[in-house]
Protein backbone atom coordinates (compact mmCIF):
# COMPACT_ATOMS: atom_id res chain seq x y z
CA MET A 1 0.00 0.00 0.00
CA TYR A 2 1.09 3.57 -0.64
CA SER A 3 -0.39 6.95 0.16
CA PRO A 4 1.12 10.10 -1.34
CA ALA A 5 1.63 13.09 0.95
CA SER A 6 -1.66 14.83 0.23
CA SER A 7 -4.96 14.76 2.10
CA ARG A 8 -6.71 13.79 -1.15
CA TYR A 9 -5.08 10.38 -0.94
CA ASP A 10 -5.11 9.76 2.80
CA SER A 11 -8.25 7.59 2.96
CA MET A 12 -7.90 5.68 -0.32
CA PRO A 13 -5.76 2.51 -0.34
CA TYR A 14 -3.63 1.96 -3.44
CA ARG A 15 -2.93 -1.57 -4.61
CA ARG A 16 -0.26 -2.93 -6.89
CA CYS A 17 -1.13 -4.45 -10.28
CA GLY A 18 0.31 -7.90 -9.70
CA ASN A 19 4.11 -7.75 -9.48
CA SER A 20 4.36 -4.54 -11.53
CA GLY A 21 5.23 -1.07 -10.27
CA LEU A 22 1.79 0.33 -11.10
CA LEU A 23 -0.62 1.18 -8.27
CA LEU A 24 -4.36 1.72 -8.68
CA PRO A 25 -6.87 3.05 -6.17
CA ALA A 26 -8.92 0.28 -4.56
CA VAL A 27 -11.97 1.96 -6.11
CA SER A 28 -11.83 3.21 -9.71
CA LEU A 29 -14.46 5.09 -11.72
CA GLY A 30 -15.78 3.54 -14.91
CA LEU A 31 -17.33 5.77 -17.57
CA TRP A 32 -19.37 2.99 -19.21
CA HIS A 33 -22.64 4.76 -18.36
CA ASN A 34 -23.61 8.42 -17.82
CA PHE A 35 -20.83 10.04 -19.89
CA GLY A 36 -22.39 9.70 -23.35
CA ASP A 37 -24.33 12.15 -25.47
CA THR A 38 -27.44 11.59 -23.38
CA GLY A 39 -25.67 12.53 -20.13
CA ASP A 40 -25.73 15.89 -18.38
CA TYR A 41 -22.36 17.62 -18.72
CA SER A 42 -22.53 19.48 -15.41
CA ASN A 43 -23.26 16.20 -13.66
CA MET A 44 -20.30 14.53 -15.40
CA LYS A 45 -18.11 17.32 -14.03
CA LYS A 46 -19.43 16.75 -10.50
CA LEU A 47 -18.84 13.00 -10.76
CA LEU A 48 -15.20 13.40 -11.80
CA HIS A 49 -14.47 16.05 -9.17
CA THR A 50 -16.08 14.01 -6.40
CA ALA A 51 -14.13 10.92 -7.43
CA PHE A 52 -10.79 12.71 -7.64
CA ASP A 53 -11.31 14.51 -4.33
CA LEU A 54 -11.88 11.10 -2.70
CA GLY A 55 -8.61 9.69 -4.04
CA ILE A 56 -9.94 7.95 -7.16
CA THR A 57 -7.11 8.50 -9.61
CA HIS A 58 -8.10 5.89 -12.21
CA PHE A 59 -10.72 6.58 -14.88
CA ASP A 60 -11.65 3.66 -17.13
CA LEU A 61 -13.04 4.09 -20.64
CA ALA A 62 -13.40 2.23 -23.94
CA ASN A 63 -13.71 3.35 -27.54
CA ASN A 64 -17.38 2.30 -27.72
CA TYR A 65 -18.65 3.80 -24.46
CA GLY A 66 -21.54 6.13 -25.14
CA PRO A 67 -24.10 6.39 -26.46
CA GLU A 68 -23.03 7.03 -29.23
CA PRO A 69 -19.73 5.10 -29.44
CA GLY A 70 -16.86 7.48 -28.70
CA ALA A 71 -19.02 9.94 -26.79
CA ALA A 72 -17.67 9.06 -23.34
CA GLU A 73 -14.09 9.62 -24.48
CA ARG A 74 -15.05 12.99 -26.01
CA SER A 75 -16.81 14.08 -22.83
CA PHE A 76 -13.92 12.92 -20.68
CA GLY A 77 -11.37 14.64 -22.91
CA LYS A 78 -13.19 17.94 -22.60
CA LEU A 79 -13.49 17.64 -18.82
CA LEU A 80 -9.89 16.53 -18.49
CA HIS A 81 -8.55 19.59 -20.26
CA GLU A 82 -10.96 22.03 -18.64
CA ASP A 83 -10.46 20.88 -15.05
CA PHE A 84 -7.71 18.27 -14.69
CA ALA A 85 -4.93 19.19 -17.13
CA SER A 86 -2.56 20.13 -14.33
CA HIS A 87 -3.22 16.77 -12.66
CA ARG A 88 -2.46 14.53 -15.66
CA ASP A 89 0.53 12.91 -13.96
CA GLU A 90 -1.64 12.02 -10.95
CA LEU A 91 -4.12 10.12 -13.12
CA ILE A 92 -4.33 6.66 -14.64
CA ILE A 93 -6.45 6.76 -17.80
CA SER A 94 -7.34 3.51 -19.50
CA THR A 95 -9.21 2.69 -22.68
CA LYS A 96 -9.99 -0.41 -24.73
CA ALA A 97 -10.74 -1.68 -28.22
CA GLY A 98 -12.32 -4.94 -29.29
CA TYR A 99 -16.03 -4.36 -29.83
CA ASP A 100 -17.87 -3.02 -32.87
CA MET A 101 -16.86 0.61 -33.40
CA TRP A 102 -17.24 1.67 -37.06
CA PRO A 103 -18.72 0.14 -40.24
CA GLY A 104 -16.87 -2.26 -42.48
CA PRO A 105 -14.46 -5.13 -41.83
CA TYR A 106 -11.81 -3.09 -39.94
CA GLY A 107 -13.81 -1.72 -37.00
CA ASN A 108 -14.15 -4.71 -34.71
CA TRP A 109 -12.39 -7.60 -32.90
CA GLY A 110 -8.59 -7.84 -32.64
CA SER A 111 -6.75 -7.14 -35.88
CA ARG A 112 -3.65 -4.98 -35.87
CA LYS A 113 -5.44 -2.61 -38.27
CA TYR A 114 -8.38 -2.13 -35.91
CA LEU A 115 -6.55 -1.88 -32.58
CA LEU A 116 -3.97 0.69 -33.64
CA ALA A 117 -6.47 2.80 -35.59
CA SER A 118 -8.83 2.70 -32.62
CA LEU A 119 -6.13 3.81 -30.20
CA ASP A 120 -5.29 6.77 -32.44
CA GLN A 121 -8.97 7.74 -32.52
CA SER A 122 -9.29 7.40 -28.74
CA LEU A 123 -6.28 9.64 -28.18
CA GLU A 124 -7.72 12.22 -30.55
CA ARG A 125 -11.11 12.19 -28.79
CA MET A 126 -9.48 12.61 -25.37
CA LYS A 127 -6.83 15.04 -26.68
CA LEU A 128 -4.06 12.94 -25.13
CA ASP A 129 -0.60 11.92 -26.25
CA TYR A 130 -0.87 8.56 -24.48
CA VAL A 131 -3.08 6.44 -22.24
CA ASP A 132 -1.75 4.70 -19.19
CA ILE A 133 -3.39 1.34 -19.94
CA PHE A 134 -4.62 0.04 -23.29
CA TYR A 135 -6.71 -3.12 -23.20
CA HIS A 136 -7.80 -5.61 -25.77
CA HIS A 137 -11.48 -5.63 -24.84
CA ARG A 138 -12.38 -9.25 -25.69
CA MET A 139 -10.92 -12.41 -27.15
CA ASP A 140 -10.98 -12.71 -30.95
CA PRO A 141 -11.45 -16.33 -32.06
CA ASP A 142 -10.40 -15.65 -35.66
CA THR A 143 -7.35 -13.36 -35.49
CA PRO A 144 -3.98 -14.94 -34.60
CA LEU A 145 -3.13 -14.09 -31.04
CA GLU A 146 0.38 -13.10 -32.15
CA GLU A 147 -1.15 -10.35 -34.31
CA THR A 148 -3.31 -8.95 -31.53
CA MET A 149 -0.50 -9.02 -28.97
CA GLY A 150 1.86 -7.52 -31.53
CA ALA A 151 -0.51 -4.58 -31.89
CA LEU A 152 -0.51 -4.06 -28.11
CA ALA A 153 3.27 -4.18 -28.20
CA GLN A 154 3.38 -1.48 -30.88
CA ALA A 155 1.04 0.68 -28.81
CA VAL A 156 3.67 0.64 -26.07
CA THR A 157 6.78 1.01 -28.24
CA SER A 158 5.18 3.94 -30.06
CA GLY A 159 4.65 5.73 -26.74
CA LYS A 160 0.87 5.77 -27.09
CA ALA A 161 0.33 3.45 -24.10
CA LEU A 162 2.43 2.86 -20.99
CA TYR A 163 0.96 -0.53 -20.04
CA VAL A 164 -1.38 -3.06 -21.61
CA GLY A 165 -4.16 -5.23 -20.26
CA LEU A 166 -6.51 -8.02 -21.31
CA SER A 167 -10.26 -7.93 -20.79
CA ARG A 168 -12.58 -10.94 -20.60
CA TYR A 169 -9.90 -13.50 -21.52
CA ASP A 170 -10.31 -17.07 -20.33
CA ALA A 171 -7.47 -18.85 -18.53
CA LYS A 172 -6.05 -20.67 -21.57
CA ARG A 173 -6.01 -17.65 -23.87
CA MET A 174 -4.68 -15.44 -21.08
CA ASP A 175 -1.73 -17.77 -20.53
CA GLU A 176 -0.95 -17.90 -24.25
CA ALA A 177 -1.16 -14.10 -24.51
CA ALA A 178 1.08 -13.64 -21.47
CA LYS A 179 3.82 -15.78 -23.02
CA ILE A 180 3.75 -13.77 -26.26
CA LEU A 181 3.79 -10.44 -24.42
CA GLU A 182 6.67 -11.60 -22.22
CA GLU A 183 8.70 -12.53 -25.29
CA LEU A 184 7.95 -9.07 -26.71
CA HIS A 185 8.94 -7.41 -23.39
CA VAL A 186 5.58 -5.70 -23.13
CA PRO A 187 4.39 -4.44 -19.70
CA TYR A 188 1.19 -6.51 -19.48
CA VAL A 189 0.06 -5.71 -15.94
CA ILE A 190 -3.68 -6.26 -15.51
CA ASN A 191 -6.78 -8.23 -16.44
CA GLN A 192 -10.30 -6.86 -16.41
CA ASP A 193 -13.34 -9.06 -15.93
CA ARG A 194 -16.81 -9.18 -14.45
CA TYR A 195 -16.84 -10.29 -10.80
CA SER A 196 -19.42 -9.95 -8.06
CA ILE A 197 -21.21 -11.88 -5.34
CA LEU A 198 -23.80 -12.84 -7.96
CA ASP A 199 -21.35 -13.54 -10.81
CA ARG A 200 -18.55 -16.02 -10.00
CA ASN A 201 -17.69 -17.00 -13.57
CA ILE A 202 -13.98 -16.16 -13.26
CA GLU A 203 -13.79 -18.52 -10.29
CA THR A 204 -15.18 -21.44 -12.30
CA ASN A 205 -13.52 -20.79 -15.68
CA GLY A 206 -10.00 -20.54 -14.25
CA ALA A 207 -9.40 -16.86 -15.09
CA LEU A 208 -9.08 -15.81 -11.45
CA LYS A 209 -6.59 -18.55 -10.63
CA GLN A 210 -4.59 -17.90 -13.80
CA THR A 211 -4.35 -14.21 -12.96
CA GLU A 212 -2.84 -15.15 -9.60
CA LEU A 213 -0.40 -17.60 -11.19
CA LEU A 214 0.74 -15.00 -13.72
CA LYS A 215 1.11 -12.40 -10.95
CA ARG A 216 -1.00 -9.86 -12.80
CA GLY A 217 -3.47 -7.39 -11.38
CA LEU A 218 -7.22 -7.79 -11.64
CA ILE A 219 -9.84 -5.07 -11.90
CA ALA A 220 -13.47 -6.10 -11.52
CA PHE A 221 -16.25 -4.50 -13.52
CA SER A 222 -19.93 -4.79 -12.57
CA PRO A 223 -19.06 -5.52 -8.91
CA LEU A 224 -22.60 -4.40 -8.05
CA ALA A 225 -24.15 -6.64 -10.73
CA GLN A 226 -25.53 -3.69 -12.70
CA GLY A 227 -27.10 -2.25 -9.55
CA LEU A 228 -28.71 -5.45 -8.24
CA LEU A 229 -26.30 -5.36 -5.28
CA SER A 230 -27.51 -1.97 -4.09
CA ASP A 231 -30.61 -0.67 -2.35
CA LYS A 232 -32.21 0.20 -5.70
CA TYR A 233 -34.07 -3.07 -6.22
CA LEU A 234 -34.74 -4.18 -2.65
CA ASN A 235 -38.45 -3.51 -3.02
CA GLY A 236 -38.96 -4.07 -6.74
CA ILE A 237 -38.15 -2.09 -9.88
CA PRO A 238 -38.21 1.74 -9.59
CA ALA A 239 -39.49 3.73 -12.56
CA ASP A 240 -36.17 5.57 -12.94
CA SER A 241 -34.00 2.42 -12.77
CA ARG A 242 -31.66 1.34 -15.54
CA ILE A 243 -33.90 -1.65 -16.24
CA ARG A 244 -36.73 0.71 -17.16
CA THR A 245 -34.76 3.54 -18.77
CA ASP A 246 -32.15 1.53 -20.69
CA GLY A 247 -32.54 -2.24 -20.50
CA ARG A 248 -29.57 -3.05 -22.73
CA TYR A 249 -27.50 -4.72 -20.03
CA LEU A 250 -29.91 -5.52 -17.20
CA LYS A 251 -33.18 -7.13 -18.22
CA GLU A 252 -36.38 -7.02 -16.17
CA SER A 253 -36.62 -10.79 -16.52
CA ALA A 254 -33.43 -11.12 -14.45
CA LEU A 255 -35.12 -9.65 -11.37
CA THR A 256 -37.37 -12.49 -10.25
CA GLU A 257 -39.13 -12.61 -6.88
CA GLU A 258 -36.61 -15.24 -5.79
CA LYS A 259 -33.68 -12.97 -6.82
CA ILE A 260 -35.19 -10.06 -4.84
CA ARG A 261 -35.50 -12.34 -1.79
CA ARG A 262 -31.81 -13.26 -2.05
CA ILE A 263 -30.80 -9.62 -2.44
CA GLN A 264 -32.85 -8.69 0.62
CA ALA A 265 -31.10 -11.43 2.61
CA LEU A 266 -27.70 -10.15 1.47
CA ASN A 267 -28.77 -6.67 2.51
CA GLU A 268 -29.49 -7.98 6.01
CA ILE A 269 -25.93 -9.36 6.25
CA ALA A 270 -24.62 -5.97 5.15
CA ARG A 271 -26.76 -4.21 7.76
CA MET A 272 -25.33 -6.43 10.50
CA ARG A 273 -21.83 -5.47 9.29
CA GLY A 274 -22.70 -1.76 9.50
CA GLN A 275 -22.53 -1.39 5.70
CA THR A 276 -24.90 -0.74 2.86
CA LEU A 277 -25.39 -3.59 0.43
CA SER A 278 -23.25 -1.88 -2.20
CA GLN A 279 -20.45 -1.27 0.30
CA MET A 280 -20.49 -4.93 1.34
CA ALA A 281 -20.50 -6.08 -2.30
CA LEU A 282 -17.43 -3.99 -3.07
CA ALA A 283 -15.72 -5.10 0.12
CA TRP A 284 -16.42 -8.73 -0.76
CA ASP A 285 -14.47 -8.26 -4.01
CA LEU A 286 -11.67 -6.29 -2.34
CA ARG A 287 -11.09 -8.93 0.33
CA LYS A 288 -9.08 -10.89 -2.27
CA GLU A 289 -5.42 -9.90 -2.50
CA VAL A 290 -5.28 -10.58 -6.24
CA LEU A 291 -7.91 -7.93 -6.85
CA THR A 292 -6.31 -4.57 -7.52
CA SER A 293 -9.42 -2.41 -7.88
CA VAL A 294 -13.19 -2.44 -8.32
CA LEU A 295 -14.78 -0.38 -11.08
CA ILE A 296 -17.84 1.52 -9.98
CA GLY A 297 -20.22 3.52 -12.13
CA ALA A 298 -22.27 6.41 -10.81
CA SER A 299 -25.09 8.68 -11.84
CA ARG A 300 -24.83 10.88 -8.72
CA PRO A 301 -21.85 12.10 -6.67
CA SER A 302 -23.48 10.71 -3.52
CA GLN A 303 -23.14 7.19 -4.93
CA ILE A 304 -19.37 7.63 -5.21
CA GLU A 305 -19.18 9.04 -1.69
CA GLU A 306 -21.11 6.04 -0.36
CA ASN A 307 -19.21 3.40 -2.30
CA VAL A 308 -15.68 4.50 -1.40
CA LYS A 309 -16.54 3.85 2.26
CA ALA A 310 -16.35 0.15 1.41
CA VAL A 311 -12.56 0.28 1.76
CA SER A 312 -12.82 0.85 5.52
CA ASN A 313 -14.12 -2.69 6.19
CA ILE A 314 -13.05 -5.52 3.88
CA GLU A 315 -12.70 -8.22 6.55
CA PHE A 316 -15.31 -11.00 6.62
CA SER A 317 -15.92 -13.74 9.14
CA ASP A 318 -16.15 -17.34 7.96
CA SER A 319 -19.86 -17.39 8.82
CA GLU A 320 -20.50 -14.24 6.77
CA LEU A 321 -18.69 -15.69 3.75
CA GLU A 322 -20.58 -18.96 4.07
CA ALA A 323 -23.93 -17.15 4.21
CA ILE A 324 -23.03 -14.96 1.22
CA ASP A 325 -21.91 -18.01 -0.78
CA ARG A 326 -25.13 -19.82 0.03
CA LEU A 327 -27.29 -16.88 -1.05
CA SER A 328 -25.30 -16.33 -4.22
CA LYS A 329 -25.86 -19.92 -5.32
CA GLU A 330 -29.40 -20.61 -4.13
CA GLN A 331 -31.88 -21.65 -6.76
CA PRO A 332 -35.67 -21.48 -6.61
CA GLU A 333 -37.44 -24.46 -5.13
CA GLN A 334 -38.78 -26.88 -7.76
C-alpha cells in the first residue's frame, strides 16, 4: 500500500497491479454509463471532481462507451482539459478496443489494423498523447493471437500506451497471450473481468486462478451486478431504474421474486456489518489480494461518496462468507 503526501489520498488505499510497479486506487471510476451524449455535462463534471477529491485517480473508458460510441471519451477529454490538465501525472487513464466501433471489416475484434487505428482515434477524442493502460477488450477467435498481442506491443513502443491489459480473456487464452507479451517485453500488468457476489464465472472458468499464477493485477467490472447489489431493487423495480430507462445490459426478466428475496437477505448481512449492500458487495471483491481495484459507475456524486466507504471494512468472518456463498448460489425451489 502507498499513500502520497496529500490529504486527497489519505483515505484511499492503493494496490499494486500484480508484481508490476503500477498502483491503482482500490476503487476506480468507470465511464461505461452516464458520460455519453445523453448525459448531463454538469453532472459529469461533478462525478469526476467528487471521485478525484476522494482519491480515485483511475478513470476507465473504452472506444465504444456512449451512447453514441466514442461519446464518453469525447466528454472525458473535454473535462480533463478544462479541469484536470494540471493533474495529468496524478491520473491513470485507460481505454480499450475490441467491440464493434465503425462500419466495415476493420472496425471490430482484434486485428492490428483495428486496434492501432482505434487507439489513435481514442487519443484524438481525449486530446491525449498517451493512455496509461490500453486493453484488448475481448478475445478474438479468428485473429492470430500473435497479431493482436503484436498490436498491443506497438502501442507501447510507439509511446501511445504505458501498459497493456486483457479484458474478458479465459485462462487458456490469457496464458498464451502472457507468453507472447513476455517474449515481446511488453508491460502486461492487468486483467479486467466481471466479478461480483452474484457472478462467479472467473472462479469457475479458471481466469481468477490464472491471474494469480501469472502475478498480474485484476480489476473487476460490474461488482454491483448492474445495480442489483444496491438498495435500488430491494423492493422491486423503480421507474427511474436502468432496467426501465435503458434495458440493454440488465433485463427485467433477471429480477425475479426469488432474486429479490436473495438480495434482501444479502442486505441484512450488510446491515449487520454496518454497511450498505453496495459497500459490502465492493468489500467482498476487495477482500481478495489478487484484486487490484473495483470499477464503480455512478449517476450521482453521492453514490461515489457512499461506495468509497467500502474500503474501511473488507474483513469478513467465515460465517459471513458462508452465508453470502449460500445466497449467491441458491436456486428457486422446484
